[in-house]
């Protein structure tokens, strides 16, 4: 509940400061512009998912990062549709793969599964002396 109030305070404060600098017309165009941007991102989300599937195939990112990046792009696009300057800033940040990967590594648990067969292997090096 406290996080909601922190978010609400930041949203009102940032929107007020934005309106103070760019006037009410600037705020209107910002809301309309980010609404259209969010809709465009939602329509083109499958292209970025295909690109990230190629990154998984090349083992550049893990499967967990792939899922979280796709989720972050979806949530970011929805945040761009919601009116408010602070939510738009968060929505734009969530469109970058690096930001999604960073958040995924930082906050999501690492679920790499070990193969139980690998635990039984002992790597040994044999050195023979010549006489």
N, C-alpha and C. Protein backbone atom coordinates (compact mmCIF):
# COMPACT_ATOMS: atom_id res chain seq x y z
N UNK A 1 0.83 -1.19 0.00
CA UNK A 1 0.00 0.00 0.00
C UNK A 1 0.87 1.26 0.00
N UNK A 2 1.98 1.20 0.73
CA UNK A 2 2.86 2.37 0.80
C UNK A 2 3.48 2.65 -0.56
N UNK A 3 3.76 1.58 -1.36
CA UNK A 3 4.33 1.77 -2.69
C UNK A 3 3.36 2.49 -3.61
N UNK A 4 2.08 2.22 -3.44
CA UNK A 4 1.08 2.91 -4.25
C UNK A 4 1.06 4.40 -3.94
N UNK A 5 1.17 4.75 -2.67
CA UNK A 5 1.18 6.17 -2.30
C UNK A 5 2.47 6.85 -2.78
N UNK A 6 3.57 6.15 -2.74
CA UNK A 6 4.82 6.71 -3.27
C UNK A 6 4.69 6.94 -4.78
N UNK A 7 4.14 5.94 -5.48
CA UNK A 7 3.92 6.08 -6.91
C UNK A 7 2.97 7.25 -7.20
N UNK A 8 1.88 7.35 -6.45
CA UNK A 8 0.91 8.40 -6.67
C UNK A 8 1.53 9.78 -6.44
N UNK A 9 2.33 9.90 -5.39
CA UNK A 9 3.00 11.17 -5.12
C UNK A 9 3.94 11.53 -6.26
N UNK A 10 4.76 10.56 -6.70
CA UNK A 10 5.70 10.83 -7.79
C UNK A 10 4.97 11.18 -9.08
N UNK A 11 3.88 10.49 -9.36
CA UNK A 11 3.11 10.77 -10.58
C UNK A 11 2.56 12.19 -10.57
N UNK A 12 1.97 12.60 -9.46
CA UNK A 12 1.40 13.95 -9.38
C UNK A 12 2.50 15.00 -9.42
N UNK A 13 3.59 14.76 -8.71
CA UNK A 13 4.69 15.73 -8.66
C UNK A 13 5.34 15.91 -10.04
N UNK A 14 5.65 14.80 -10.70
CA UNK A 14 6.31 14.89 -12.01
C UNK A 14 5.36 15.50 -13.04
N UNK A 15 4.10 15.12 -13.00
CA UNK A 15 3.12 15.69 -13.95
C UNK A 15 2.94 17.19 -13.70
N UNK A 16 2.92 17.61 -12.45
CA UNK A 16 2.79 19.03 -12.11
C UNK A 16 3.99 19.81 -12.63
N UNK A 17 5.19 19.30 -12.39
CA UNK A 17 6.40 19.98 -12.85
C UNK A 17 6.45 20.04 -14.38
N UNK A 18 6.05 18.97 -15.04
CA UNK A 18 6.01 18.95 -16.50
C UNK A 18 5.03 19.99 -17.02
N UNK A 19 3.85 20.07 -16.42
CA UNK A 19 2.83 21.03 -16.84
C UNK A 19 3.29 22.46 -16.57
N UNK A 20 4.01 22.67 -15.47
CA UNK A 20 4.52 23.99 -15.15
C UNK A 20 5.51 24.47 -16.22
N UNK A 21 6.31 23.56 -16.74
CA UNK A 21 7.32 23.93 -17.74
C UNK A 21 6.71 24.01 -19.15
N UNK A 22 5.94 23.01 -19.55
CA UNK A 22 5.46 22.91 -20.93
C UNK A 22 4.00 23.34 -21.11
N UNK A 23 3.36 23.84 -20.14
CA UNK A 23 1.96 24.29 -20.12
C UNK A 23 1.00 23.12 -20.32
N UNK A 24 -0.27 23.43 -20.23
CA UNK A 24 -1.31 22.40 -20.34
C UNK A 24 -1.36 21.81 -21.74
N UNK A 25 -1.02 22.62 -22.76
CA UNK A 25 -1.02 22.11 -24.13
C UNK A 25 0.10 21.09 -24.34
N UNK A 26 1.24 21.36 -23.74
CA UNK A 26 2.34 20.39 -23.80
C UNK A 26 1.96 19.08 -23.14
N UNK A 27 1.26 19.18 -22.01
CA UNK A 27 0.81 17.98 -21.30
C UNK A 27 -0.20 17.21 -22.15
N UNK A 28 -1.09 17.93 -22.82
CA UNK A 28 -2.08 17.30 -23.68
C UNK A 28 -1.39 16.53 -24.81
N UNK A 29 -0.43 17.18 -25.47
CA UNK A 29 0.28 16.53 -26.58
C UNK A 29 1.15 15.39 -26.10
N UNK A 30 1.69 15.50 -24.88
CA UNK A 30 2.49 14.40 -24.31
C UNK A 30 1.61 13.18 -24.07
N UNK A 31 0.43 13.39 -23.54
CA UNK A 31 -0.49 12.28 -23.28
C UNK A 31 -0.94 11.62 -24.58
N UNK A 32 -1.30 12.43 -25.57
CA UNK A 32 -1.73 11.88 -26.87
C UNK A 32 -0.57 11.18 -27.57
N UNK A 33 0.61 11.78 -27.54
CA UNK A 33 1.78 11.19 -28.20
C UNK A 33 2.19 9.86 -27.60
N UNK A 34 2.22 9.78 -26.28
CA UNK A 34 2.61 8.51 -25.65
C UNK A 34 1.51 7.47 -25.77
N UNK A 35 0.25 7.90 -25.86
CA UNK A 35 -0.84 6.96 -26.12
C UNK A 35 -0.65 6.30 -27.48
N UNK A 36 -0.37 7.10 -28.49
CA UNK A 36 -0.14 6.55 -29.83
C UNK A 36 1.12 5.68 -29.87
N UNK A 37 2.17 6.12 -29.17
CA UNK A 37 3.41 5.33 -29.11
C UNK A 37 3.16 3.97 -28.45
N UNK A 38 2.38 3.95 -27.38
CA UNK A 38 2.06 2.70 -26.70
C UNK A 38 1.27 1.76 -27.59
N UNK A 39 0.33 2.30 -28.35
CA UNK A 39 -0.46 1.47 -29.26
C UNK A 39 0.42 0.90 -30.37
N UNK A 40 1.33 1.73 -30.91
CA UNK A 40 2.25 1.25 -31.96
C UNK A 40 3.15 0.15 -31.43
N UNK A 41 3.65 0.32 -30.21
CA UNK A 41 4.51 -0.70 -29.61
C UNK A 41 3.73 -2.00 -29.41
N UNK A 42 2.49 -1.91 -28.94
CA UNK A 42 1.69 -3.12 -28.77
C UNK A 42 1.46 -3.83 -30.11
N UNK A 43 1.23 -3.06 -31.17
CA UNK A 43 1.02 -3.68 -32.47
C UNK A 43 2.28 -4.34 -33.01
N UNK A 44 3.45 -3.79 -32.69
CA UNK A 44 4.72 -4.32 -33.20
C UNK A 44 5.46 -5.18 -32.20
N UNK A 45 4.81 -5.60 -31.15
CA UNK A 45 5.46 -6.38 -30.10
C UNK A 45 5.95 -7.73 -30.61
N UNK A 46 5.25 -8.30 -31.58
CA UNK A 46 5.68 -9.61 -32.09
C UNK A 46 7.02 -9.55 -32.80
N UNK A 47 7.38 -8.40 -33.40
CA UNK A 47 8.68 -8.27 -34.06
C UNK A 47 9.82 -8.29 -33.04
N UNK A 48 9.64 -7.60 -31.93
CA UNK A 48 10.70 -7.61 -30.91
C UNK A 48 10.78 -8.97 -30.23
N UNK A 49 9.65 -9.66 -30.12
CA UNK A 49 9.69 -11.01 -29.55
C UNK A 49 10.45 -11.96 -30.47
N UNK A 50 10.27 -11.81 -31.78
CA UNK A 50 11.01 -12.66 -32.72
C UNK A 50 12.51 -12.37 -32.65
N UNK A 51 12.86 -11.11 -32.51
CA UNK A 51 14.28 -10.74 -32.38
C UNK A 51 14.88 -11.34 -31.11
N UNK A 52 14.14 -11.28 -30.02
CA UNK A 52 14.63 -11.84 -28.76
C UNK A 52 14.68 -13.36 -28.80
N UNK A 53 13.80 -14.00 -29.60
CA UNK A 53 13.88 -15.46 -29.75
C UNK A 53 15.18 -15.84 -30.45
N UNK A 54 15.62 -15.02 -31.39
CA UNK A 54 16.90 -15.26 -32.05
C UNK A 54 18.05 -15.09 -31.06
N UNK A 55 17.94 -14.13 -30.15
CA UNK A 55 18.98 -13.94 -29.14
C UNK A 55 19.04 -15.13 -28.19
N UNK A 56 17.90 -15.74 -27.89
CA UNK A 56 17.89 -16.94 -27.05
C UNK A 56 18.54 -18.09 -27.80
N UNK A 57 18.24 -18.22 -29.09
CA UNK A 57 18.83 -19.30 -29.89
C UNK A 57 20.34 -19.17 -29.97
N UNK A 58 20.84 -17.93 -30.01
CA UNK A 58 22.29 -17.70 -30.04
C UNK A 58 22.91 -17.71 -28.64
N UNK A 59 22.08 -17.95 -27.64
CA UNK A 59 22.49 -18.00 -26.23
C UNK A 59 23.08 -16.67 -25.75
N UNK A 60 22.58 -15.57 -26.28
CA UNK A 60 22.98 -14.26 -25.81
C UNK A 60 22.23 -13.89 -24.54
N UNK A 61 20.99 -14.38 -24.43
CA UNK A 61 20.19 -14.17 -23.22
C UNK A 61 19.59 -15.51 -22.81
N UNK A 62 19.22 -15.61 -21.53
CA UNK A 62 18.62 -16.85 -21.05
C UNK A 62 17.12 -16.85 -21.35
N UNK A 63 16.51 -18.00 -21.16
CA UNK A 63 15.07 -18.10 -21.40
C UNK A 63 14.30 -17.24 -20.41
N UNK A 64 14.80 -17.17 -19.19
CA UNK A 64 14.14 -16.35 -18.17
C UNK A 64 14.21 -14.87 -18.54
N UNK A 65 15.36 -14.43 -19.06
CA UNK A 65 15.49 -13.05 -19.50
C UNK A 65 14.57 -12.78 -20.69
N UNK A 66 14.43 -13.77 -21.59
CA UNK A 66 13.53 -13.62 -22.73
C UNK A 66 12.10 -13.37 -22.26
N UNK A 67 11.66 -14.15 -21.29
CA UNK A 67 10.30 -14.00 -20.79
C UNK A 67 10.13 -12.65 -20.10
N UNK A 68 11.11 -12.27 -19.29
CA UNK A 68 10.98 -11.01 -18.56
C UNK A 68 11.08 -9.81 -19.49
N UNK A 69 11.94 -9.88 -20.52
CA UNK A 69 12.04 -8.77 -21.47
C UNK A 69 10.72 -8.59 -22.21
N UNK A 70 10.12 -9.69 -22.66
CA UNK A 70 8.82 -9.60 -23.33
C UNK A 70 7.75 -9.05 -22.40
N UNK A 71 7.78 -9.48 -21.16
CA UNK A 71 6.81 -8.99 -20.19
C UNK A 71 7.03 -7.51 -19.91
N UNK A 72 8.30 -7.10 -19.79
CA UNK A 72 8.58 -5.68 -19.55
C UNK A 72 8.16 -4.82 -20.72
N UNK A 73 8.35 -5.30 -21.94
CA UNK A 73 7.92 -4.52 -23.11
C UNK A 73 6.40 -4.38 -23.13
N UNK A 74 5.70 -5.44 -22.78
CA UNK A 74 4.23 -5.39 -22.74
C UNK A 74 3.75 -4.42 -21.66
N UNK A 75 4.29 -4.55 -20.46
CA UNK A 75 3.90 -3.66 -19.36
C UNK A 75 4.29 -2.22 -19.69
N UNK A 76 5.46 -2.03 -20.30
CA UNK A 76 5.89 -0.69 -20.69
C UNK A 76 4.95 -0.05 -21.69
N UNK A 77 4.49 -0.83 -22.66
CA UNK A 77 3.54 -0.30 -23.64
C UNK A 77 2.22 0.09 -22.98
N UNK A 78 1.79 -0.72 -22.02
CA UNK A 78 0.54 -0.38 -21.30
C UNK A 78 0.74 0.87 -20.46
N UNK A 79 1.92 1.01 -19.84
CA UNK A 79 2.20 2.22 -19.05
C UNK A 79 2.24 3.46 -19.95
N UNK A 80 2.69 3.31 -21.18
CA UNK A 80 2.67 4.45 -22.10
C UNK A 80 1.25 4.87 -22.46
N UNK A 81 0.34 3.92 -22.48
CA UNK A 81 -1.05 4.24 -22.80
C UNK A 81 -1.73 4.97 -21.64
N UNK A 82 -1.36 4.61 -20.41
CA UNK A 82 -1.94 5.24 -19.22
C UNK A 82 -1.44 6.69 -19.13
N UNK A 83 -2.35 7.67 -18.92
CA UNK A 83 -1.90 9.06 -18.83
C UNK A 83 -1.04 9.31 -17.59
N UNK A 84 -0.03 10.13 -17.76
CA UNK A 84 0.83 10.52 -16.66
C UNK A 84 2.28 10.51 -17.11
N UNK A 85 3.03 11.50 -16.67
CA UNK A 85 4.41 11.65 -17.11
C UNK A 85 5.31 10.60 -16.47
N UNK A 86 5.14 10.34 -15.19
CA UNK A 86 5.99 9.36 -14.51
C UNK A 86 5.78 7.96 -15.08
N UNK A 87 4.53 7.58 -15.34
CA UNK A 87 4.27 6.27 -15.95
C UNK A 87 4.84 6.20 -17.36
N UNK A 88 4.83 7.33 -18.07
CA UNK A 88 5.42 7.34 -19.41
C UNK A 88 6.93 7.16 -19.35
N UNK A 89 7.58 7.75 -18.37
CA UNK A 89 9.03 7.57 -18.20
C UNK A 89 9.33 6.10 -17.92
N UNK A 90 8.57 5.50 -17.01
CA UNK A 90 8.76 4.07 -16.72
C UNK A 90 8.48 3.21 -17.95
N UNK A 91 7.44 3.55 -18.69
CA UNK A 91 7.09 2.80 -19.90
C UNK A 91 8.17 2.88 -20.96
N UNK A 92 8.78 4.04 -21.11
CA UNK A 92 9.86 4.18 -22.09
C UNK A 92 11.08 3.39 -21.63
N UNK A 93 11.41 3.45 -20.35
CA UNK A 93 12.55 2.67 -19.84
C UNK A 93 12.36 1.18 -20.05
N UNK A 94 11.13 0.71 -19.90
CA UNK A 94 10.86 -0.72 -20.04
C UNK A 94 10.96 -1.20 -21.49
N UNK A 95 11.05 -0.29 -22.44
CA UNK A 95 11.19 -0.69 -23.83
C UNK A 95 12.62 -1.08 -24.19
N UNK A 96 13.58 -0.73 -23.35
CA UNK A 96 14.98 -1.06 -23.62
C UNK A 96 15.30 -2.44 -23.06
N UNK A 97 15.89 -3.29 -23.90
CA UNK A 97 16.23 -4.66 -23.49
C UNK A 97 17.20 -4.68 -22.32
N UNK A 98 18.14 -3.74 -22.29
CA UNK A 98 19.13 -3.71 -21.22
C UNK A 98 18.47 -3.46 -19.87
N UNK A 99 17.49 -2.58 -19.86
CA UNK A 99 16.76 -2.29 -18.61
C UNK A 99 15.99 -3.52 -18.15
N UNK A 100 15.33 -4.20 -19.08
CA UNK A 100 14.59 -5.41 -18.74
C UNK A 100 15.51 -6.52 -18.24
N UNK A 101 16.66 -6.67 -18.90
CA UNK A 101 17.63 -7.70 -18.47
C UNK A 101 18.17 -7.38 -17.08
N UNK A 102 18.47 -6.10 -16.85
CA UNK A 102 18.99 -5.69 -15.54
C UNK A 102 17.98 -5.97 -14.44
N UNK A 103 16.74 -5.60 -14.65
CA UNK A 103 15.69 -5.84 -13.65
C UNK A 103 15.48 -7.33 -13.45
N UNK A 104 15.51 -8.09 -14.54
CA UNK A 104 15.31 -9.54 -14.44
C UNK A 104 16.42 -10.19 -13.61
N UNK A 105 17.67 -9.80 -13.88
CA UNK A 105 18.78 -10.39 -13.12
C UNK A 105 18.79 -9.93 -11.67
N UNK A 106 18.34 -8.71 -11.44
CA UNK A 106 18.41 -8.14 -10.10
C UNK A 106 17.29 -8.66 -9.19
N UNK A 107 16.08 -8.75 -9.71
CA UNK A 107 14.94 -9.01 -8.85
C UNK A 107 14.29 -10.38 -9.02
N UNK A 108 14.47 -11.01 -10.17
CA UNK A 108 13.86 -12.32 -10.36
C UNK A 108 14.84 -13.40 -9.93
N UNK A 109 14.35 -14.45 -9.30
CA UNK A 109 15.27 -15.51 -8.85
C UNK A 109 15.88 -16.24 -10.03
N UNK A 110 17.12 -16.64 -9.87
CA UNK A 110 17.82 -17.37 -10.92
C UNK A 110 17.35 -18.82 -10.89
N UNK A 111 16.76 -19.28 -11.98
CA UNK A 111 16.17 -20.61 -12.01
C UNK A 111 16.92 -21.52 -12.98
N UNK A 112 18.22 -21.40 -12.99
CA UNK A 112 18.97 -22.31 -13.86
C UNK A 112 18.92 -23.69 -13.26
N UNK A 113 18.58 -24.65 -14.07
CA UNK A 113 18.45 -26.02 -13.59
C UNK A 113 19.72 -26.77 -13.89
N UNK A 114 20.27 -27.41 -12.89
CA UNK A 114 21.46 -28.23 -13.09
C UNK A 114 21.05 -29.64 -13.47
N UNK A 115 21.83 -30.22 -14.30
CA UNK A 115 21.63 -31.61 -14.66
C UNK A 115 22.25 -32.46 -13.55
N UNK A 116 21.50 -33.37 -13.00
CA UNK A 116 22.01 -34.18 -11.90
C UNK A 116 23.14 -35.08 -12.34
N UNK A 117 23.21 -35.39 -13.64
CA UNK A 117 24.29 -36.21 -14.16
C UNK A 117 25.63 -35.48 -14.04
N UNK A 118 25.63 -34.16 -14.22
CA UNK A 118 26.86 -33.38 -14.14
C UNK A 118 27.45 -33.37 -12.74
N UNK A 119 26.66 -33.59 -11.72
CA UNK A 119 27.17 -33.58 -10.36
C UNK A 119 28.04 -34.80 -10.07
N UNK A 120 27.88 -35.88 -10.85
CA UNK A 120 28.63 -37.10 -10.61
C UNK A 120 29.95 -37.16 -11.37
N UNK A 121 30.24 -36.15 -12.18
CA UNK A 121 31.45 -36.16 -13.00
C UNK A 121 32.58 -35.50 -12.22
N UNK A 122 33.73 -36.17 -12.24
CA UNK A 122 34.93 -35.62 -11.62
C UNK A 122 35.97 -35.43 -12.72
N UNK A 123 36.49 -34.24 -12.83
CA UNK A 123 37.48 -33.94 -13.85
C UNK A 123 38.86 -34.23 -13.28
N UNK A 124 39.59 -35.11 -13.94
CA UNK A 124 40.89 -35.54 -13.44
C UNK A 124 41.92 -35.41 -14.56
N UNK A 125 43.12 -35.02 -14.18
CA UNK A 125 44.22 -34.97 -15.13
C UNK A 125 45.29 -35.92 -14.66
N UNK A 126 45.76 -36.79 -15.54
CA UNK A 126 46.77 -37.79 -15.19
C UNK A 126 48.11 -37.32 -15.76
N UNK A 127 49.09 -37.24 -14.90
CA UNK A 127 50.42 -36.82 -15.31
C UNK A 127 51.35 -38.01 -15.11
N UNK A 128 52.01 -38.44 -16.16
CA UNK A 128 52.95 -39.56 -16.07
C UNK A 128 54.37 -39.03 -16.12
N UNK A 129 55.20 -39.61 -15.30
CA UNK A 129 56.62 -39.23 -15.30
C UNK A 129 57.37 -40.15 -16.23
N UNK A 130 58.27 -39.61 -17.01
CA UNK A 130 59.11 -40.43 -17.89
C UNK A 130 60.40 -40.74 -17.16
N UNK A 131 60.85 -41.97 -17.28
CA UNK A 131 62.08 -42.38 -16.60
C UNK A 131 63.20 -42.54 -17.55
